[in-house]
Amino acid sequence: MYLSVQLSCYPLADDYKPPIWALIDRLQQTQLEVYPGRMSTEIFGEYDEVMQVLSDTMKWSFETYGKAVFVAKMMEGDRRPK
């Protein structure tokens, strides 16, 4: 099953940009399709892989940068439209 995710990260810190950039960089090192945007990042891939990457990445973010709020919208669906 293919999964589409719209992910937003809101670090609870004054200097919030570096954790967001690091998160995007980490996502882009995976085999998933990753499209950063101004307010969220779109992620596409096989369900199990996407869920594992999200779990690993959020855990890494909490351990590395501390508290943050993640908002994810998920939909079973096709690859990103061209």
PDB file of N, CA and C in Angstrom:
ATOM      1  N   MET A   1       0.836  -1.172   0.000  1.00  0.00           N
ATOM      2  CA  MET A   1       0.000   0.000   0.000  1.00  0.00           C
ATOM      3  C   MET A   1       0.883   1.238   0.000  1.00  0.00           C
ATOM      4  N   TYR A   2       0.501   2.214  -0.802  1.00  0.00           N
ATOM      5  CA  TYR A   2       1.245   3.459  -0.911  1.00  0.00           C
ATOM      6  C   TYR A   2       0.653   4.480   0.042  1.00  0.00           C
ATOM      7  N   LEU A   3       1.495   5.272   0.699  1.00  0.00           N
ATOM      8  CA  LEU A   3       1.044   6.249   1.688  1.00  0.00           C
ATOM      9  C   LEU A   3       1.540   7.639   1.322  1.00  0.00           C
ATOM     10  N   SER A   4       0.661   8.610   1.473  1.00  0.00           N
ATOM     11  CA  SER A   4       0.999  10.027   1.289  1.00  0.00           C
ATOM     12  C   SER A   4       0.890  10.698   2.651  1.00  0.00           C
ATOM     13  N   VAL A   5       1.914  11.483   3.021  1.00  0.00           N
ATOM     14  CA  VAL A   5       1.926  12.156   4.320  1.00  0.00           C
ATOM     15  C   VAL A   5       2.275  13.624   4.129  1.00  0.00           C
ATOM     16  N   GLN A   6       1.563  14.464   4.834  1.00  0.00           N
ATOM     17  CA  GLN A   6       1.909  15.880   4.915  1.00  0.00           C
ATOM     18  C   GLN A   6       2.354  16.098   6.363  1.00  0.00           C
ATOM     19  N   LEU A   7       3.642  16.399   6.575  1.00  0.00           N
ATOM     20  CA  LEU A   7       4.219  16.485   7.911  1.00  0.00           C
ATOM     21  C   LEU A   7       4.682  17.907   8.202  1.00  0.00           C
ATOM     22  N   SER A   8       4.284  18.415   9.368  1.00  0.00           N
ATOM     23  CA  SER A   8       4.771  19.708   9.855  1.00  0.00           C
ATOM     24  C   SER A   8       5.435  19.482  11.203  1.00  0.00           C
ATOM     25  N   CYS A   9       6.532  20.199  11.434  1.00  0.00           N
ATOM     26  CA  CYS A   9       7.258  20.110  12.694  1.00  0.00           C
ATOM     27  C   CYS A   9       7.374  21.510  13.279  1.00  0.00           C
ATOM     28  N   TYR A  10       7.019  21.633  14.553  1.00  0.00           N
ATOM     29  CA  TYR A  10       7.091  22.916  15.253  1.00  0.00           C
ATOM     30  C   TYR A  10       7.959  22.748  16.496  1.00  0.00           C
ATOM     31  N   PRO A  11       9.288  22.973  16.375  1.00  0.00           N
ATOM     32  CA  PRO A  11      10.171  22.861  17.535  1.00  0.00           C
ATOM     33  C   PRO A  11       9.793  23.907  18.582  1.00  0.00           C
ATOM     34  N   LEU A  12       9.795  23.507  19.836  1.00  0.00           N
ATOM     35  CA  LEU A  12       9.466  24.429  20.924  1.00  0.00           C
ATOM     36  C   LEU A  12      10.754  25.063  21.433  1.00  0.00           C
ATOM     37  N   ALA A  13      11.343  25.890  20.586  1.00  0.00           N
ATOM     38  CA  ALA A  13      12.606  26.551  20.898  1.00  0.00           C
ATOM     39  C   ALA A  13      12.651  27.885  20.164  1.00  0.00           C
ATOM     40  N   ASP A  14      13.389  28.834  20.706  1.00  0.00           N
ATOM     41  CA  ASP A  14      13.523  30.139  20.057  1.00  0.00           C
ATOM     42  C   ASP A  14      14.193  30.012  18.698  1.00  0.00           C
ATOM     43  N   ASP A  15      15.246  29.198  18.633  1.00  0.00           N
ATOM     44  CA  ASP A  15      15.962  28.987  17.371  1.00  0.00           C
ATOM     45  C   ASP A  15      15.386  27.743  16.698  1.00  0.00           C
ATOM     46  N   TYR A  16      14.232  27.890  16.068  1.00  0.00           N
ATOM     47  CA  TYR A  16      13.460  26.752  15.557  1.00  0.00           C
ATOM     48  C   TYR A  16      13.867  26.286  14.157  1.00  0.00           C
ATOM     49  N   LYS A  17      14.555  27.106  13.389  1.00  0.00           N
ATOM     50  CA  LYS A  17      14.855  26.727  12.005  1.00  0.00           C
ATOM     51  C   LYS A  17      15.860  25.583  11.875  1.00  0.00           C
ATOM     52  N   PRO A  18      16.994  25.575  12.595  1.00  0.00           N
ATOM     53  CA  PRO A  18      17.952  24.470  12.434  1.00  0.00           C
ATOM     54  C   PRO A  18      17.353  23.080  12.658  1.00  0.00           C
ATOM     55  N   PRO A  19      16.496  22.869  13.669  1.00  0.00           N
ATOM     56  CA  PRO A  19      15.906  21.532  13.811  1.00  0.00           C
ATOM     57  C   PRO A  19      15.025  21.142  12.625  1.00  0.00           C
ATOM     58  N   ILE A  20      14.333  22.103  12.038  1.00  0.00           N
ATOM     59  CA  ILE A  20      13.483  21.813  10.883  1.00  0.00           C
ATOM     60  C   ILE A  20      14.347  21.441   9.680  1.00  0.00           C
ATOM     61  N   TRP A  21      15.385  22.211   9.427  1.00  0.00           N
ATOM     62  CA  TRP A  21      16.281  21.906   8.295  1.00  0.00           C
ATOM     63  C   TRP A  21      16.932  20.535   8.475  1.00  0.00           C
ATOM     64  N   ALA A  22      17.358  20.231   9.708  1.00  0.00           N
ATOM     65  CA  ALA A  22      17.992  18.932   9.971  1.00  0.00           C
ATOM     66  C   ALA A  22      16.993  17.788   9.757  1.00  0.00           C
ATOM     67  N   LEU A  23      15.753  18.003  10.153  1.00  0.00           N
ATOM     68  CA  LEU A  23      14.719  16.994   9.958  1.00  0.00           C
ATOM     69  C   LEU A  23      14.494  16.733   8.472  1.00  0.00           C
ATOM     70  N   ILE A  24      14.398  17.785   7.695  1.00  0.00           N
ATOM     71  CA  ILE A  24      14.204  17.641   6.246  1.00  0.00           C
ATOM     72  C   ILE A  24      15.405  16.932   5.626  1.00  0.00           C
ATOM     73  N   ASP A  25      16.612  17.327   6.004  1.00  0.00           N
ATOM     74  CA  ASP A  25      17.819  16.663   5.493  1.00  0.00           C
ATOM     75  C   ASP A  25      17.791  15.167   5.802  1.00  0.00           C
ATOM     76  N   ARG A  26      17.389  14.832   7.004  1.00  0.00           N
ATOM     77  CA  ARG A  26      17.331  13.417   7.403  1.00  0.00           C
ATOM     78  C   ARG A  26      16.299  12.660   6.564  1.00  0.00           C
ATOM     79  N   LEU A  27      15.139  13.261   6.341  1.00  0.00           N
ATOM     80  CA  LEU A  27      14.111  12.625   5.516  1.00  0.00           C
ATOM     81  C   LEU A  27      14.594  12.430   4.080  1.00  0.00           C
ATOM     82  N   GLN A  28      15.331  13.406   3.566  1.00  0.00           N
ATOM     83  CA  GLN A  28      15.805  13.330   2.181  1.00  0.00           C
ATOM     84  C   GLN A  28      16.882  12.276   1.990  1.00  0.00           C
ATOM     85  N   GLN A  29      17.457  11.775   3.060  1.00  0.00           N
ATOM     86  CA  GLN A  29      18.474  10.721   2.964  1.00  0.00           C
ATOM     87  C   GLN A  29      17.850   9.331   2.882  1.00  0.00           C
ATOM     88  N   THR A  30      16.530   9.256   2.947  1.00  0.00           N
ATOM     89  CA  THR A  30      15.831   7.971   2.858  1.00  0.00           C
ATOM     90  C   THR A  30      15.488   7.673   1.400  1.00  0.00           C
ATOM     91  N   GLN A  31      14.875   6.526   1.180  1.00  0.00           N
ATOM     92  CA  GLN A  31      14.437   6.136  -0.161  1.00  0.00           C
ATOM     93  C   GLN A  31      13.044   6.688  -0.498  1.00  0.00           C
ATOM     94  N   LEU A  32      12.465   7.455   0.406  1.00  0.00           N
ATOM     95  CA  LEU A  32      11.125   7.998   0.200  1.00  0.00           C
ATOM     96  C   LEU A  32      11.169   9.215  -0.715  1.00  0.00           C
ATOM     97  N   GLU A  33      10.016   9.539  -1.310  1.00  0.00           N
ATOM     98  CA  GLU A  33       9.880  10.783  -2.053  1.00  0.00           C
ATOM     99  C   GLU A  33       9.598  11.873  -1.024  1.00  0.00           C
ATOM    100  N   VAL A  34      10.431  12.920  -0.994  1.00  0.00           N
ATOM    101  CA  VAL A  34      10.309  13.982   0.009  1.00  0.00           C
ATOM    102  C   VAL A  34      10.314  15.321  -0.716  1.00  0.00           C
ATOM    103  N   TYR A  35       9.269  16.124  -0.443  1.00  0.00           N
ATOM    104  CA  TYR A  35       9.117  17.430  -1.090  1.00  0.00           C
ATOM    105  C   TYR A  35       8.874  18.486  -0.019  1.00  0.00           C
ATOM    106  N   PRO A  36       9.939  19.205   0.397  1.00  0.00           N
ATOM    107  CA  PRO A  36       9.778  20.234   1.415  1.00  0.00           C
ATOM    108  C   PRO A  36       8.966  21.420   0.871  1.00  0.00           C
ATOM    109  N   GLY A  37       8.172  22.004   1.737  1.00  0.00           N
ATOM    110  CA  GLY A  37       7.413  23.199   1.396  1.00  0.00           C
ATOM    111  C   GLY A  37       7.572  24.240   2.488  1.00  0.00           C
ATOM    112  N   ARG A  38       6.900  25.347   2.350  1.00  0.00           N
ATOM    113  CA  ARG A  38       7.036  26.432   3.326  1.00  0.00           C
ATOM    114  C   ARG A  38       6.393  26.098   4.668  1.00  0.00           C
ATOM    115  N   MET A  39       5.305  25.357   4.663  1.00  0.00           N
ATOM    116  CA  MET A  39       4.587  25.053   5.899  1.00  0.00           C
ATOM    117  C   MET A  39       4.613  23.573   6.283  1.00  0.00           C
ATOM    118  N   SER A  40       4.931  22.715   5.324  1.00  0.00           N
ATOM    119  CA  SER A  40       4.961  21.282   5.606  1.00  0.00           C
ATOM    120  C   SER A  40       5.820  20.581   4.569  1.00  0.00           C
ATOM    121  N   THR A  41       6.099  19.327   4.838  1.00  0.00           N
ATOM    122  CA  THR A  41       6.863  18.491   3.917  1.00  0.00           C
ATOM    123  C   THR A  41       5.980  17.329   3.488  1.00  0.00           C
ATOM    124  N   GLU A  42       5.925  17.080   2.196  1.00  0.00           N
ATOM    125  CA  GLU A  42       5.161  15.959   1.672  1.00  0.00           C
ATOM    126  C   GLU A  42       6.083  14.754   1.542  1.00  0.00           C
ATOM    127  N   ILE A  43       5.589  13.609   1.989  1.00  0.00           N
ATOM    128  CA  ILE A  43       6.372  12.376   1.985  1.00  0.00           C
ATOM    129  C   ILE A  43       5.525  11.284   1.345  1.00  0.00           C
ATOM    130  N   PHE A  44       6.133  10.521   0.434  1.00  0.00           N
ATOM    131  CA  PHE A  44       5.418   9.469  -0.279  1.00  0.00           C
ATOM    132  C   PHE A  44       6.249   8.203  -0.282  1.00  0.00           C
ATOM    133  N   GLY A  45       5.588   7.068  -0.109  1.00  0.00           N
ATOM    134  CA  GLY A  45       6.291   5.794  -0.173  1.00  0.00           C
ATOM    135  C   GLY A  45       5.410   4.660   0.296  1.00  0.00           C
ATOM    136  N   GLU A  46       6.004   3.482   0.362  1.00  0.00           N
ATOM    137  CA  GLU A  46       5.287   2.308   0.836  1.00  0.00           C
ATOM    138  C   GLU A  46       4.975   2.478   2.326  1.00  0.00           C
ATOM    139  N   TYR A  47       3.775   2.070   2.711  1.00  0.00           N
ATOM    140  CA  TYR A  47       3.251   2.307   4.052  1.00  0.00           C
ATOM    141  C   TYR A  47       4.242   1.955   5.160  1.00  0.00           C
ATOM    142  N   ASP A  48       4.725   0.713   5.170  1.00  0.00           N
ATOM    143  CA  ASP A  48       5.606   0.270   6.258  1.00  0.00           C
ATOM    144  C   ASP A  48       6.886   1.092   6.325  1.00  0.00           C
ATOM    145  N   GLU A  49       7.445   1.410   5.172  1.00  0.00           N
ATOM    146  CA  GLU A  49       8.682   2.200   5.140  1.00  0.00           C
ATOM    147  C   GLU A  49       8.433   3.619   5.640  1.00  0.00           C
ATOM    148  N   VAL A  50       7.350   4.238   5.195  1.00  0.00           N
ATOM    149  CA  VAL A  50       7.030   5.606   5.627  1.00  0.00           C
ATOM    150  C   VAL A  50       6.834   5.644   7.141  1.00  0.00           C
ATOM    151  N   MET A  51       6.067   4.715   7.675  1.00  0.00           N
ATOM    152  CA  MET A  51       5.793   4.707   9.109  1.00  0.00           C
ATOM    153  C   MET A  51       7.069   4.480   9.916  1.00  0.00           C
ATOM    154  N   GLN A  52       7.958   3.616   9.440  1.00  0.00           N
ATOM    155  CA  GLN A  52       9.222   3.382  10.151  1.00  0.00           C
ATOM    156  C   GLN A  52      10.107   4.625  10.117  1.00  0.00           C
ATOM    157  N   VAL A  53      10.184   5.267   8.955  1.00  0.00           N
ATOM    158  CA  VAL A  53      10.994   6.486   8.830  1.00  0.00           C
ATOM    159  C   VAL A  53      10.432   7.592   9.726  1.00  0.00           C
ATOM    160  N   LEU A  54       9.116   7.759   9.740  1.00  0.00           N
ATOM    161  CA  LEU A  54       8.508   8.780  10.602  1.00  0.00           C
ATOM    162  C   LEU A  54       8.820   8.503  12.072  1.00  0.00           C
ATOM    163  N   SER A  55       8.670   7.261  12.488  1.00  0.00           N
ATOM    164  CA  SER A  55       8.958   6.892  13.876  1.00  0.00           C
ATOM    165  C   SER A  55      10.412   7.173  14.238  1.00  0.00           C
ATOM    166  N   ASP A  56      11.332   6.702  13.395  1.00  0.00           N
ATOM    167  CA  ASP A  56      12.760   6.908  13.652  1.00  0.00           C
ATOM    168  C   ASP A  56      13.129   8.384  13.646  1.00  0.00           C
ATOM    169  N   THR A  57      12.578   9.141  12.708  1.00  0.00           N
ATOM    170  CA  THR A  57      12.924  10.551  12.555  1.00  0.00           C
ATOM    171  C   THR A  57      12.381  11.385  13.706  1.00  0.00           C
ATOM    172  N   MET A  58      11.156  11.120  14.128  1.00  0.00           N
ATOM    173  CA  MET A  58      10.604  11.881  15.253  1.00  0.00           C
ATOM    174  C   MET A  58      11.361  11.570  16.540  1.00  0.00           C
ATOM    175  N   LYS A  59      11.691  10.302  16.755  1.00  0.00           N
ATOM    176  CA  LYS A  59      12.467   9.934  17.942  1.00  0.00           C
ATOM    177  C   LYS A  59      13.821  10.636  17.927  1.00  0.00           C
ATOM    178  N   TRP A  60      14.494  10.612  16.771  1.00  0.00           N
ATOM    179  CA  TRP A  60      15.784  11.293  16.625  1.00  0.00           C
ATOM    180  C   TRP A  60      15.630  12.792  16.920  1.00  0.00           C
ATOM    181  N   SER A  61      14.577  13.402  16.415  1.00  0.00           N
ATOM    182  CA  SER A  61      14.346  14.829  16.635  1.00  0.00           C
ATOM    183  C   SER A  61      14.183  15.151  18.116  1.00  0.00           C
ATOM    184  N   PHE A  62      13.371  14.359  18.816  1.00  0.00           N
ATOM    185  CA  PHE A  62      13.176  14.583  20.250  1.00  0.00           C
ATOM    186  C   PHE A  62      14.483  14.422  21.014  1.00  0.00           C
ATOM    187  N   GLU A  63      15.257  13.382  20.685  1.00  0.00           N
ATOM    188  CA  GLU A  63      16.515  13.117  21.383  1.00  0.00           C
ATOM    189  C   GLU A  63      17.573  14.172  21.073  1.00  0.00           C
ATOM    190  N   THR A  64      17.562  14.711  19.850  1.00  0.00           N
ATOM    191  CA  THR A  64      18.594  15.655  19.423  1.00  0.00           C
ATOM    192  C   THR A  64      18.249  17.101  19.768  1.00  0.00           C
ATOM    193  N   TYR A  65      16.993  17.480  19.565  1.00  0.00           N
ATOM    194  CA  TYR A  65      16.610  18.892  19.693  1.00  0.00           C
ATOM    195  C   TYR A  65      15.613  19.178  20.805  1.00  0.00           C
ATOM    196  N   GLY A  66      15.086  18.169  21.436  1.00  0.00           N
ATOM    197  CA  GLY A  66      14.145  18.397  22.528  1.00  0.00           C
ATOM    198  C   GLY A  66      12.704  18.448  22.057  1.00  0.00           C
ATOM    199  N   LYS A  67      11.903  19.151  22.804  1.00  0.00           N
ATOM    200  CA  LYS A  67      10.462  19.160  22.567  1.00  0.00           C
ATOM    201  C   LYS A  67      10.093  19.796  21.234  1.00  0.00           C
ATOM    202  N   ALA A  68       9.078  19.196  20.619  1.00  0.00           N
ATOM    203  CA  ALA A  68       8.538  19.700  19.354  1.00  0.00           C
ATOM    204  C   ALA A  68       7.123  19.148  19.199  1.00  0.00           C
ATOM    205  N   VAL A  69       6.357  19.821  18.379  1.00  0.00           N
ATOM    206  CA  VAL A  69       5.021  19.347  18.027  1.00  0.00           C
ATOM    207  C   VAL A  69       5.077  18.891  16.573  1.00  0.00           C
ATOM    208  N   PHE A  70       4.597  17.682  16.311  1.00  0.00           N
ATOM    209  CA  PHE A  70       4.500  17.169  14.948  1.00  0.00           C
ATOM    210  C   PHE A  70       3.029  17.061  14.580  1.00  0.00           C
ATOM    211  N   VAL A  71       2.695  17.508  13.379  1.00  0.00           N
ATOM    212  CA  VAL A  71       1.345  17.370  12.852  1.00  0.00           C
ATOM    213  C   VAL A  71       1.457  16.625  11.531  1.00  0.00           C
ATOM    214  N   ALA A  72       0.729  15.506  11.439  1.00  0.00           N
ATOM    215  CA  ALA A  72       0.798  14.691  10.218  1.00  0.00           C
ATOM    216  C   ALA A  72      -0.612  14.412   9.709  1.00  0.00           C
ATOM    217  N   LYS A  73      -0.758  14.566   8.406  1.00  0.00           N
ATOM    218  CA  LYS A  73      -1.983  14.154   7.717  1.00  0.00           C
ATOM    219  C   LYS A  73      -1.577  13.009   6.809  1.00  0.00           C
ATOM    220  N   MET A  74      -2.308  11.902   6.891  1.00  0.00           N
ATOM    221  CA  MET A  74      -1.944  10.706   6.130  1.00  0.00           C
ATOM    222  C   MET A  74      -3.114  10.249   5.283  1.00  0.00           C
ATOM    223  N   MET A  75      -2.764   9.782   4.085  1.00  0.00           N
ATOM    224  CA  MET A  75      -3.782   9.295   3.179  1.00  0.00           C
ATOM    225  C   MET A  75      -3.210   8.163   2.345  1.00  0.00           C
ATOM    226  N   GLU A  76      -3.939   7.100   2.253  1.00  0.00           N
ATOM    227  CA  GLU A  76      -3.534   6.013   1.360  1.00  0.00           C
ATOM    228  C   GLU A  76      -3.753   6.545  -0.049  1.00  0.00           C
ATOM    229  N   GLY A  77      -2.719   6.468  -0.865  1.00  0.00           N
ATOM    230  CA  GLY A  77      -2.905   7.017  -2.186  1.00  0.00           C
ATOM    231  C   GLY A  77      -1.697   6.927  -3.083  1.00  0.00           C
ATOM    232  N   ASP A  78      -1.835   7.552  -4.222  1.00  0.00           N
ATOM    233  CA  ASP A  78      -0.836   7.501  -5.289  1.00  0.00           C
ATOM    234  C   ASP A  78       0.353   8.384  -5.002  1.00  0.00           C
ATOM    235  N   ARG A  79       1.304   8.248  -5.922  1.00  0.00           N
ATOM    236  CA  ARG A  79       2.484   9.107  -5.889  1.00  0.00           C
ATOM    237  C   ARG A  79       2.065  10.549  -6.113  1.00  0.00           C
ATOM    238  N   ARG A  80       2.985  11.445  -5.774  1.00  0.00           N
ATOM    239  CA  ARG A  80       2.720  12.868  -5.924  1.00  0.00           C
ATOM    240  C   ARG A  80       2.366  13.179  -7.386  1.00  0.00           C
ATOM    241  N   PRO A  81       1.312  13.942  -7.604  1.00  0.00           N
ATOM    242  CA  PRO A  81       0.979  14.318  -8.993  1.00  0.00           C
ATOM    243  C   PRO A  81       2.082  15.166  -9.597  1.00  0.00           C
ATOM    244  N   LYS A  82       2.309  15.011 -10.889  1.00  0.00           N
ATOM    245  CA  LYS A  82       3.374  15.783 -11.566  1.00  0.00           C
ATOM    246  C   LYS A  82       2.820  17.033 -12.190  1.00  0.00           C
TER     247      LYS A  82
END
